[in-house]
C-alpha atoms as a PDB file:
ATOM      1  CA  MET A   1       0.000   0.000   0.000  1.00  0.00           C
ATOM      2  CA  ILE A   2       2.902   2.315   0.718  1.00  0.00           C
ATOM      3  CA  ILE A   3       4.484   1.646  -2.669  1.00  0.00           C
ATOM      4  CA  LEU A   4       1.168   2.124  -4.491  1.00  0.00           C
ATOM      5  CA  GLY A   5       0.676   5.405  -2.641  1.00  0.00           C
ATOM      6  CA  LEU A   6       4.139   6.600  -3.657  1.00  0.00           C
ATOM      7  CA  VAL A   7       3.573   5.635  -7.294  1.00  0.00           C
ATOM      8  CA  LEU A   8       0.226   7.425  -7.458  1.00  0.00           C
ATOM      9  CA  LEU A   9       1.688  10.446  -5.701  1.00  0.00           C
ATOM     10  CA  VAL A  10       4.551  10.746  -8.185  1.00  0.00           C
ATOM     11  CA  VAL A  11       2.376  10.089 -11.253  1.00  0.00           C
ATOM     12  CA  GLY A  12      -0.213  12.592 -10.076  1.00  0.00           C
ATOM     13  CA  TRP A  13       2.455  15.190  -9.393  1.00  0.00           C
ATOM     14  CA  LEU A  14       4.192  14.688 -12.749  1.00  0.00           C
ATOM     15  CA  THR A  15       0.988  14.749 -14.808  1.00  0.00           C
ATOM     16  CA  GLY A  16      -0.735  17.458 -12.795  1.00  0.00           C
ATOM     17  CA  ILE A  17      -3.753  15.283 -11.989  1.00  0.00           C
ATOM     18  CA  SER A  18      -4.717  16.330  -8.487  1.00  0.00           C
ATOM     19  CA  ILE A  19      -7.030  13.367  -7.754  1.00  0.00           C
ATOM     20  CA  LEU A  20      -4.111  10.940  -8.194  1.00  0.00           C
ATOM     21  CA  THR A  21      -1.996  13.019  -5.856  1.00  0.00           C
ATOM     22  CA  THR A  22      -4.774  13.053  -3.253  1.00  0.00           C
ATOM     23  CA  ILE A  23      -5.366   9.298  -3.481  1.00  0.00           C
ATOM     24  CA  GLY A  24      -1.600   8.710  -3.329  1.00  0.00           C
ATOM     25  CA  VAL A  25      -1.262  10.741  -0.128  1.00  0.00           C
ATOM     26  CA  ILE A  26      -4.207   8.927   1.480  1.00  0.00           C
ATOM     27  CA  LEU A  27      -2.832   5.486   0.586  1.00  0.00           C
ATOM     28  CA  LEU A  28       0.623   6.473   1.777  1.00  0.00           C
ATOM     29  CA  VAL A  29      -0.668   7.650   5.163  1.00  0.00           C
ATOM     30  CA  VAL A  30      -2.877   4.587   5.660  1.00  0.00           C
ATOM     31  CA  GLY A  31      -0.010   2.280   4.673  1.00  0.00           C
ATOM     32  CA  VAL A  32       2.370   3.915   7.141  1.00  0.00           C
ATOM     33  CA  ILE A  33      -0.214   3.726   9.941  1.00  0.00           C
ATOM     34  CA  LEU A  34      -0.884   0.030   9.250  1.00  0.00           C
ATOM     35  CA  ALA A  35       2.849  -0.690   9.114  1.00  0.00           C
ATOM     36  CA  MET A  36       3.426   1.055  12.438  1.00  0.00           C
ATOM     37  CA  LEU A  37       0.548  -0.763  14.125  1.00  0.00           C
ATOM     38  CA  GLY A  38       1.711  -4.070  12.676  1.00  0.00           C
ATOM     39  CA  ALA A  39       5.249  -3.476  13.916  1.00  0.00           C
ATOM     40  CA  THR A  40       4.006  -2.988  17.466  1.00  0.00           C
ATOM     41  CA  GLY A  41       2.287  -6.384  17.378  1.00  0.00           C
ATOM     42  CA  ARG A  42      -1.267  -5.081  17.566  1.00  0.00           C
ATOM     43  CA  ALA A  43      -4.043  -6.959  15.816  1.00  0.00           C
ATOM     44  CA  ILE A  44      -5.585  -4.794  13.090  1.00  0.00           C
ATOM     45  CA  GLY A  45      -9.162  -5.514  12.048  1.00  0.00           C
ATOM     46  CA  GLY A  46      -9.193  -8.739  14.029  1.00  0.00           C
ATOM     47  CA  ARG A  47      -6.130 -10.087  12.218  1.00  0.00           C
ATOM     48  CA  ALA A  48      -2.684 -10.372  13.720  1.00  0.00           C
ATOM     49  CA  HIS A  49      -0.970 -10.383  10.300  1.00  0.00           C
ATOM     50  CA  TRP A  50      -1.669  -8.745   6.952  1.00  0.00           C
ATOM     51  CA  TYR A  51      -0.236 -10.571   3.959  1.00  0.00           C
END
């Protein structure tokens, strides 16, 4: 999710399409939050691991 967010962010920035930039930022933030929660060992959404 973090990589997809970065790709959309860069593509949106290079092409000037603001919706791609917005979606990229949202995916990037959500991916970082899920990674941080997963690193602390907390279960997210009832699952201990996300594959």
